[in-house]
Amino acid sequence: MSARRARLYDLLALLVMVLVVALDQWTKALVVSYLSPPDSGRVVPLLGEYLSLYYTRNSGAAFGLFANSVVLAGLIAVAVAVVITLYLRGLNSGPLSYKLVFGLIIGGAVGNLIDRVRHGGYVVDFILFRIPQIGFRFAVFNLADSAITVGVILLLLLMVTGALPRTSGSAEQSPRRGTTEVEIERAPTEQTATSPTLRPGQPPANSHR
């Protein structure tokens, strides 16, 4: 991949990240303005009884996991380290889909991180999905959680299909091994070609009579 195209892909990934953060913070600001106070029981239907707006505060991870848990900080640190490692691995070599996936994941992570810094550790959640017919109610989440979830699913698909970029070291070693094998295979042929041919009845040049 050319350096110019790699820079273009990185800029597109950055654009996706900025859009995710902007939309996440904008929607959270609207929810706080119109649906405060949190956990008031006020529900604004968007799609019948299935999809609604409901303002709540989440001190745990995405979708309310590990609320008020000391394990949360360690899990977030490990997740961030893995994401950064994978992104740097594909820097300047990954396909566009690879870069856009990390734009979603990093954008969602930054959006929730801004919330934790601004609000003293909690995140604004407001999307409520439920199926009343079977008594199902999913954890309240936000756009940042959605971006992270979609990004992780797409990343897993890229891993399964083998679309992740390879490291430059493995790419350089393959031609060298191939060249070495060709040279080893050619060596006996060259020796055979330079060996003198003996005529019938002619003794070898180094033989002693």
C-alpha atoms as a PDB file:
ATOM      1  CA  MET A   1       0.000   0.000   0.000  1.00  0.00           C
ATOM      2  CA  SER A   2       1.289   3.460  -0.892  1.00  0.00           C
ATOM      3  CA  ALA A   3       1.962   5.979   1.851  1.00  0.00           C
ATOM      4  CA  ARG A   4      -0.576   8.376   0.346  1.00  0.00           C
ATOM      5  CA  ARG A   5      -3.365   5.807   0.440  1.00  0.00           C
ATOM      6  CA  ALA A   6      -2.428   4.772   3.983  1.00  0.00           C
ATOM      7  CA  ARG A   7      -2.694   8.393   5.136  1.00  0.00           C
ATOM      8  CA  LEU A   8      -6.083   8.703   3.423  1.00  0.00           C
ATOM      9  CA  TYR A   9      -7.348   5.594   5.236  1.00  0.00           C
ATOM     10  CA  ASP A  10      -6.103   6.963   8.557  1.00  0.00           C
ATOM     11  CA  LEU A  11      -7.883  10.269   7.910  1.00  0.00           C
ATOM     12  CA  LEU A  12     -11.138   8.435   7.134  1.00  0.00           C
ATOM     13  CA  ALA A  13     -10.791   6.429  10.346  1.00  0.00           C
ATOM     14  CA  LEU A  14     -10.191   9.664  12.247  1.00  0.00           C
ATOM     15  CA  LEU A  15     -13.303  11.162  10.632  1.00  0.00           C
ATOM     16  CA  VAL A  16     -15.390   8.173  11.752  1.00  0.00           C
ATOM     17  CA  MET A  17     -14.016   8.504  15.271  1.00  0.00           C
ATOM     18  CA  VAL A  18     -14.826  12.231  15.417  1.00  0.00           C
ATOM     19  CA  LEU A  19     -18.361  11.652  14.095  1.00  0.00           C
ATOM     20  CA  VAL A  20     -19.013   8.936  16.680  1.00  0.00           C
ATOM     21  CA  VAL A  21     -17.795  11.160  19.520  1.00  0.00           C
ATOM     22  CA  ALA A  22     -19.777  14.173  18.261  1.00  0.00           C
ATOM     23  CA  LEU A  23     -23.043  12.252  17.822  1.00  0.00           C
ATOM     24  CA  ASP A  24     -22.606  10.505  21.152  1.00  0.00           C
ATOM     25  CA  GLN A  25     -22.029  13.714  23.092  1.00  0.00           C
ATOM     26  CA  TRP A  26     -24.794  15.586  21.242  1.00  0.00           C
ATOM     27  CA  THR A  27     -27.439  12.946  21.923  1.00  0.00           C
ATOM     28  CA  LYS A  28     -26.390  12.685  25.567  1.00  0.00           C
ATOM     29  CA  ALA A  29     -26.672  16.454  25.970  1.00  0.00           C
ATOM     30  CA  LEU A  30     -30.195  16.393  24.517  1.00  0.00           C
ATOM     31  CA  VAL A  31     -31.234  13.584  26.838  1.00  0.00           C
ATOM     32  CA  VAL A  32     -29.875  15.343  29.916  1.00  0.00           C
ATOM     33  CA  SER A  33     -31.641  18.566  28.889  1.00  0.00           C
ATOM     34  CA  TYR A  34     -35.078  17.093  28.201  1.00  0.00           C
ATOM     35  CA  LEU A  35     -35.304  13.953  30.345  1.00  0.00           C
ATOM     36  CA  SER A  36     -33.742  15.051  33.642  1.00  0.00           C
ATOM     37  CA  PRO A  37     -33.680  13.975  36.391  1.00  0.00           C
ATOM     38  CA  PRO A  38     -32.296  10.480  35.739  1.00  0.00           C
ATOM     39  CA  ASP A  39     -34.275   7.373  36.625  1.00  0.00           C
ATOM     40  CA  SER A  40     -37.460   9.427  36.891  1.00  0.00           C
ATOM     41  CA  GLY A  41     -39.483   6.755  35.143  1.00  0.00           C
ATOM     42  CA  ARG A  42     -40.204   8.964  32.130  1.00  0.00           C
ATOM     43  CA  VAL A  43     -40.086   6.957  28.898  1.00  0.00           C
ATOM     44  CA  VAL A  44     -40.268   8.485  25.401  1.00  0.00           C
ATOM     45  CA  PRO A  45     -41.329   5.856  22.820  1.00  0.00           C
ATOM     46  CA  LEU A  46     -39.431   5.790  19.526  1.00  0.00           C
ATOM     47  CA  LEU A  47     -40.614   2.513  18.025  1.00  0.00           C
ATOM     48  CA  GLY A  48     -43.757   1.504  19.841  1.00  0.00           C
ATOM     49  CA  GLU A  49     -43.057  -0.444  23.007  1.00  0.00           C
ATOM     50  CA  TYR A  50     -39.796  -1.865  21.663  1.00  0.00           C
ATOM     51  CA  LEU A  51     -37.418   1.098  21.418  1.00  0.00           C
ATOM     52  CA  SER A  52     -37.607   4.065  23.793  1.00  0.00           C
ATOM     53  CA  LEU A  53     -35.620   6.853  25.396  1.00  0.00           C
ATOM     54  CA  TYR A  54     -34.998   6.512  29.117  1.00  0.00           C
ATOM     55  CA  TYR A  55     -32.384   8.590  30.956  1.00  0.00           C
ATOM     56  CA  THR A  56     -30.230   6.779  33.495  1.00  0.00           C
ATOM     57  CA  ARG A  57     -26.698   6.956  34.843  1.00  0.00           C
ATOM     58  CA  ASN A  58     -24.329   4.021  34.519  1.00  0.00           C
ATOM     59  CA  SER A  59     -21.285   3.699  36.774  1.00  0.00           C
ATOM     60  CA  GLY A  60     -20.257   0.386  35.194  1.00  0.00           C
ATOM     61  CA  ALA A  61     -19.068  -0.660  31.761  1.00  0.00           C
ATOM     62  CA  ALA A  62     -21.075  -0.861  28.553  1.00  0.00           C
ATOM     63  CA  PHE A  63     -24.691  -1.997  28.960  1.00  0.00           C
ATOM     64  CA  GLY A  64     -24.430  -1.665  32.747  1.00  0.00           C
ATOM     65  CA  LEU A  65     -21.891  -4.451  33.201  1.00  0.00           C
ATOM     66  CA  PHE A  66     -19.731  -4.456  36.359  1.00  0.00           C
ATOM     67  CA  ALA A  67     -21.572  -1.525  37.910  1.00  0.00           C
ATOM     68  CA  ASN A  68     -19.685  -0.193  40.950  1.00  0.00           C
ATOM     69  CA  SER A  69     -17.089  -2.950  40.507  1.00  0.00           C
ATOM     70  CA  VAL A  70     -13.365  -2.636  41.172  1.00  0.00           C
ATOM     71  CA  VAL A  71     -12.748  -5.024  38.266  1.00  0.00           C
ATOM     72  CA  LEU A  72     -13.965  -2.413  35.786  1.00  0.00           C
ATOM     73  CA  ALA A  73     -10.768  -0.348  35.747  1.00  0.00           C
ATOM     74  CA  GLY A  74      -8.631  -3.397  35.002  1.00  0.00           C
ATOM     75  CA  LEU A  75     -10.926  -4.602  32.239  1.00  0.00           C
ATOM     76  CA  ILE A  76     -10.951  -1.185  30.582  1.00  0.00           C
ATOM     77  CA  ALA A  77      -7.146  -0.991  30.739  1.00  0.00           C
ATOM     78  CA  VAL A  78      -6.756  -4.418  29.124  1.00  0.00           C
ATOM     79  CA  ALA A  79      -9.314  -3.599  26.429  1.00  0.00           C
ATOM     80  CA  VAL A  80      -7.628  -0.299  25.569  1.00  0.00           C
ATOM     81  CA  ALA A  81      -4.217  -1.993  25.382  1.00  0.00           C
ATOM     82  CA  VAL A  82      -5.548  -4.661  23.005  1.00  0.00           C
ATOM     83  CA  VAL A  83      -7.258  -2.101  20.770  1.00  0.00           C
ATOM     84  CA  ILE A  84      -4.168   0.109  20.542  1.00  0.00           C
ATOM     85  CA  THR A  85      -1.913  -2.886  19.838  1.00  0.00           C
ATOM     86  CA  LEU A  86      -4.130  -4.149  17.029  1.00  0.00           C
ATOM     87  CA  TYR A  87      -4.476  -0.700  15.504  1.00  0.00           C
ATOM     88  CA  LEU A  88      -0.735  -0.017  15.557  1.00  0.00           C
ATOM     89  CA  ARG A  89      -0.176  -3.424  13.999  1.00  0.00           C
ATOM     90  CA  GLY A  90      -2.238  -2.399  10.984  1.00  0.00           C
ATOM     91  CA  LEU A  91      -0.982   1.191  10.809  1.00  0.00           C
ATOM     92  CA  ASN A  92       0.201   2.084   7.280  1.00  0.00           C
ATOM     93  CA  SER A  93      -0.729  -1.400   6.020  1.00  0.00           C
ATOM     94  CA  GLY A  94      -4.318  -2.213   6.990  1.00  0.00           C
ATOM     95  CA  PRO A  95      -7.238  -2.117   4.545  1.00  0.00           C
ATOM     96  CA  LEU A  96      -9.901   0.582   4.738  1.00  0.00           C
ATOM     97  CA  SER A  97     -12.370  -1.711   6.512  1.00  0.00           C
ATOM     98  CA  TYR A  98      -9.768  -2.366   9.209  1.00  0.00           C
ATOM     99  CA  LYS A  99      -9.240   1.348   9.826  1.00  0.00           C
ATOM    100  CA  LEU A 100     -12.968   2.166   9.887  1.00  0.00           C
ATOM    101  CA  VAL A 101     -13.618  -0.590  12.435  1.00  0.00           C
ATOM    102  CA  PHE A 102     -11.102   0.936  14.804  1.00  0.00           C
ATOM    103  CA  GLY A 103     -12.605   4.355  14.150  1.00  0.00           C
ATOM    104  CA  LEU A 104     -15.880   3.008  15.554  1.00  0.00           C
ATOM    105  CA  ILE A 105     -14.280   1.297  18.559  1.00  0.00           C
ATOM    106  CA  ILE A 106     -11.977   4.152  19.535  1.00  0.00           C
ATOM    107  CA  GLY A 107     -14.714   6.742  18.939  1.00  0.00           C
ATOM    108  CA  GLY A 108     -17.093   4.895  21.246  1.00  0.00           C
ATOM    109  CA  ALA A 109     -14.424   4.464  23.907  1.00  0.00           C
ATOM    110  CA  VAL A 110     -13.549   8.174  23.779  1.00  0.00           C
ATOM    111  CA  GLY A 111     -17.224   9.151  23.996  1.00  0.00           C
ATOM    112  CA  ASN A 112     -17.753   7.184  27.197  1.00  0.00           C
ATOM    113  CA  LEU A 113     -14.404   8.328  28.587  1.00  0.00           C
ATOM    114  CA  ILE A 114     -15.478  11.960  28.176  1.00  0.00           C
ATOM    115  CA  ASP A 115     -18.591  11.165  30.199  1.00  0.00           C
ATOM    116  CA  ARG A 116     -16.622   9.581  33.028  1.00  0.00           C
ATOM    117  CA  VAL A 117     -14.284  12.567  33.237  1.00  0.00           C
ATOM    118  CA  ARG A 118     -17.090  15.154  33.079  1.00  0.00           C
ATOM    119  CA  HIS A 119     -19.544  13.446  35.393  1.00  0.00           C
ATOM    120  CA  GLY A 120     -17.233  11.967  37.986  1.00  0.00           C
ATOM    121  CA  GLY A 121     -17.210   8.338  36.879  1.00  0.00           C
ATOM    122  CA  TYR A 122     -20.626   7.628  35.405  1.00  0.00           C
ATOM    123  CA  VAL A 123     -21.902   7.468  31.814  1.00  0.00           C
ATOM    124  CA  VAL A 124     -25.186   8.798  30.437  1.00  0.00           C
ATOM    125  CA  ASP A 125     -27.320   5.960  29.013  1.00  0.00           C
ATOM    126  CA  PHE A 126     -30.651   6.517  27.319  1.00  0.00           C
ATOM    127  CA  ILE A 127     -31.521   3.832  24.729  1.00  0.00           C
ATOM    128  CA  LEU A 128     -33.975   1.258  26.051  1.00  0.00           C
ATOM    129  CA  PHE A 129     -34.797  -1.881  24.045  1.00  0.00           C
ATOM    130  CA  ARG A 130     -37.401  -4.353  25.239  1.00  0.00           C
ATOM    131  CA  ILE A 131     -39.883  -6.955  24.024  1.00  0.00           C
ATOM    132  CA  PRO A 132     -42.892  -6.768  26.355  1.00  0.00           C
ATOM    133  CA  GLN A 133     -44.543  -9.860  24.861  1.00  0.00           C
ATOM    134  CA  ILE A 134     -41.866 -12.117  26.345  1.00  0.00           C
ATOM    135  CA  GLY A 135     -40.865  -9.935  29.279  1.00  0.00           C
ATOM    136  CA  PHE A 136     -37.438  -9.101  27.802  1.00  0.00           C
ATOM    137  CA  ARG A 137     -35.699  -5.854  28.694  1.00  0.00           C
ATOM    138  CA  PHE A 138     -32.164  -5.145  27.530  1.00  0.00           C
ATOM    139  CA  ALA A 139     -29.767  -2.998  29.541  1.00  0.00           C
ATOM    140  CA  VAL A 140     -30.005   0.727  28.804  1.00  0.00           C
ATOM    141  CA  PHE A 141     -27.135   1.881  26.572  1.00  0.00           C
ATOM    142  CA  ASN A 142     -25.969   4.804  24.414  1.00  0.00           C
ATOM    143  CA  LEU A 143     -24.545   5.504  20.953  1.00  0.00           C
ATOM    144  CA  ALA A 144     -20.965   5.003  22.154  1.00  0.00           C
ATOM    145  CA  ASP A 145     -21.834   1.498  23.367  1.00  0.00           C
ATOM    146  CA  SER A 146     -23.455   0.778  19.999  1.00  0.00           C
ATOM    147  CA  ALA A 147     -20.367   1.948  18.084  1.00  0.00           C
ATOM    148  CA  ILE A 148     -18.084  -0.220  20.225  1.00  0.00           C
ATOM    149  CA  THR A 149     -20.327  -3.266  19.826  1.00  0.00           C
ATOM    150  CA  VAL A 150     -20.631  -2.908  16.052  1.00  0.00           C
ATOM    151  CA  GLY A 151     -16.878  -2.315  15.771  1.00  0.00           C
ATOM    152  CA  VAL A 152     -16.007  -5.408  17.819  1.00  0.00           C
ATOM    153  CA  ILE A 153     -18.382  -7.589  15.774  1.00  0.00           C
ATOM    154  CA  LEU A 154     -16.872  -6.323  12.509  1.00  0.00           C
ATOM    155  CA  LEU A 155     -13.361  -6.848  13.907  1.00  0.00           C
ATOM    156  CA  LEU A 156     -14.191 -10.469  14.748  1.00  0.00           C
ATOM    157  CA  LEU A 157     -15.517 -10.960  11.214  1.00  0.00           C
ATOM    158  CA  LEU A 158     -12.272  -9.563   9.793  1.00  0.00           C
ATOM    159  CA  MET A 159     -10.285 -11.940  12.001  1.00  0.00           C
ATOM    160  CA  VAL A 160     -12.374 -14.952  10.962  1.00  0.00           C
ATOM    161  CA  THR A 161     -12.127 -14.125   7.258  1.00  0.00           C
ATOM    162  CA  GLY A 162      -8.373 -13.502   7.482  1.00  0.00           C
ATOM    163  CA  ALA A 163      -8.639  -9.868   6.403  1.00  0.00           C
ATOM    164  CA  LEU A 164      -6.393  -8.543   9.170  1.00  0.00           C
ATOM    165  CA  PRO A 165      -3.072  -7.105   7.944  1.00  0.00           C
ATOM    166  CA  ARG A 166       0.063  -9.182   8.356  1.00  0.00           C
ATOM    167  CA  THR A 167       3.166  -7.876  10.019  1.00  0.00           C
ATOM    168  CA  SER A 168       5.949  -6.665   7.749  1.00  0.00           C
ATOM    169  CA  GLY A 169       8.434  -9.080   9.320  1.00  0.00           C
ATOM    170  CA  SER A 170       6.611 -12.186   8.148  1.00  0.00           C
ATOM    171  CA  ALA A 171       6.235 -10.719   4.679  1.00  0.00           C
ATOM    172  CA  GLU A 172       9.979 -10.108   4.416  1.00  0.00           C
ATOM    173  CA  GLN A 173      10.983 -13.566   5.584  1.00  0.00           C
ATOM    174  CA  SER A 174       8.929 -15.457   3.029  1.00  0.00           C
ATOM    175  CA  PRO A 175      10.832 -14.256  -0.075  1.00  0.00           C
ATOM    176  CA  ARG A 176      14.153 -14.950   1.646  1.00  0.00           C
ATOM    177  CA  ARG A 177      13.203 -18.504   2.464  1.00  0.00           C
ATOM    178  CA  GLY A 178      11.933 -18.979  -1.046  1.00  0.00           C
ATOM    179  CA  THR A 179      15.190 -17.654  -2.544  1.00  0.00           C
ATOM    180  CA  THR A 180      17.287 -19.915  -0.334  1.00  0.00           C
ATOM    181  CA  GLU A 181      15.351 -22.982  -1.382  1.00  0.00           C
ATOM    182  CA  VAL A 182      15.758 -22.122  -5.057  1.00  0.00           C
ATOM    183  CA  GLU A 183      19.486 -21.626  -4.624  1.00  0.00           C
ATOM    184  CA  ILE A 184      19.842 -24.967  -2.843  1.00  0.00           C
ATOM    185  CA  GLU A 185      17.891 -26.715  -5.549  1.00  0.00           C
ATOM    186  CA  ARG A 186      19.968 -25.135  -8.308  1.00  0.00           C
ATOM    187  CA  ALA A 187      23.311 -25.992  -6.758  1.00  0.00           C
ATOM    188  CA  PRO A 188      23.452 -29.676  -7.861  1.00  0.00           C
ATOM    189  CA  THR A 189      22.312 -28.707 -11.342  1.00  0.00           C
ATOM    190  CA  GLU A 190      25.139 -26.222 -11.730  1.00  0.00           C
ATOM    191  CA  GLN A 191      27.714 -28.789 -10.568  1.00  0.00           C
ATOM    192  CA  THR A 192      26.389 -31.347 -12.994  1.00  0.00           C
ATOM    193  CA  ALA A 193      26.533 -28.893 -15.841  1.00  0.00           C
ATOM    194  CA  THR A 194      30.211 -28.048 -15.185  1.00  0.00           C
ATOM    195  CA  SER A 195      31.326 -31.669 -14.787  1.00  0.00           C
ATOM    196  CA  PRO A 196      33.403 -32.863 -17.822  1.00  0.00           C
ATOM    197  CA  THR A 197      31.937 -35.601 -19.952  1.00  0.00           C
ATOM    198  CA  LEU A 198      34.129 -38.683 -20.556  1.00  0.00           C
ATOM    199  CA  ARG A 199      34.340 -40.388 -23.897  1.00  0.00           C
ATOM    200  CA  PRO A 200      34.268 -44.168 -24.094  1.00  0.00           C
ATOM    201  CA  GLY A 201      37.690 -45.569 -23.170  1.00  0.00           C
ATOM    202  CA  GLN A 202      39.024 -42.227 -21.933  1.00  0.00           C
ATOM    203  CA  PRO A 203      40.470 -42.373 -18.377  1.00  0.00           C
ATOM    204  CA  PRO A 204      39.704 -39.662 -15.836  1.00  0.00           C
ATOM    205  CA  ALA A 205      42.058 -36.681 -15.816  1.00  0.00           C
ATOM    206  CA  ASN A 206      43.277 -37.280 -12.262  1.00  0.00           C
ATOM    207  CA  SER A 207      43.644 -41.074 -12.537  1.00  0.00           C
ATOM    208  CA  HIS A 208      47.104 -42.690 -12.121  1.00  0.00           C
ATOM    209  CA  ARG A 209      48.267 -45.149 -14.724  1.00  0.00           C
END
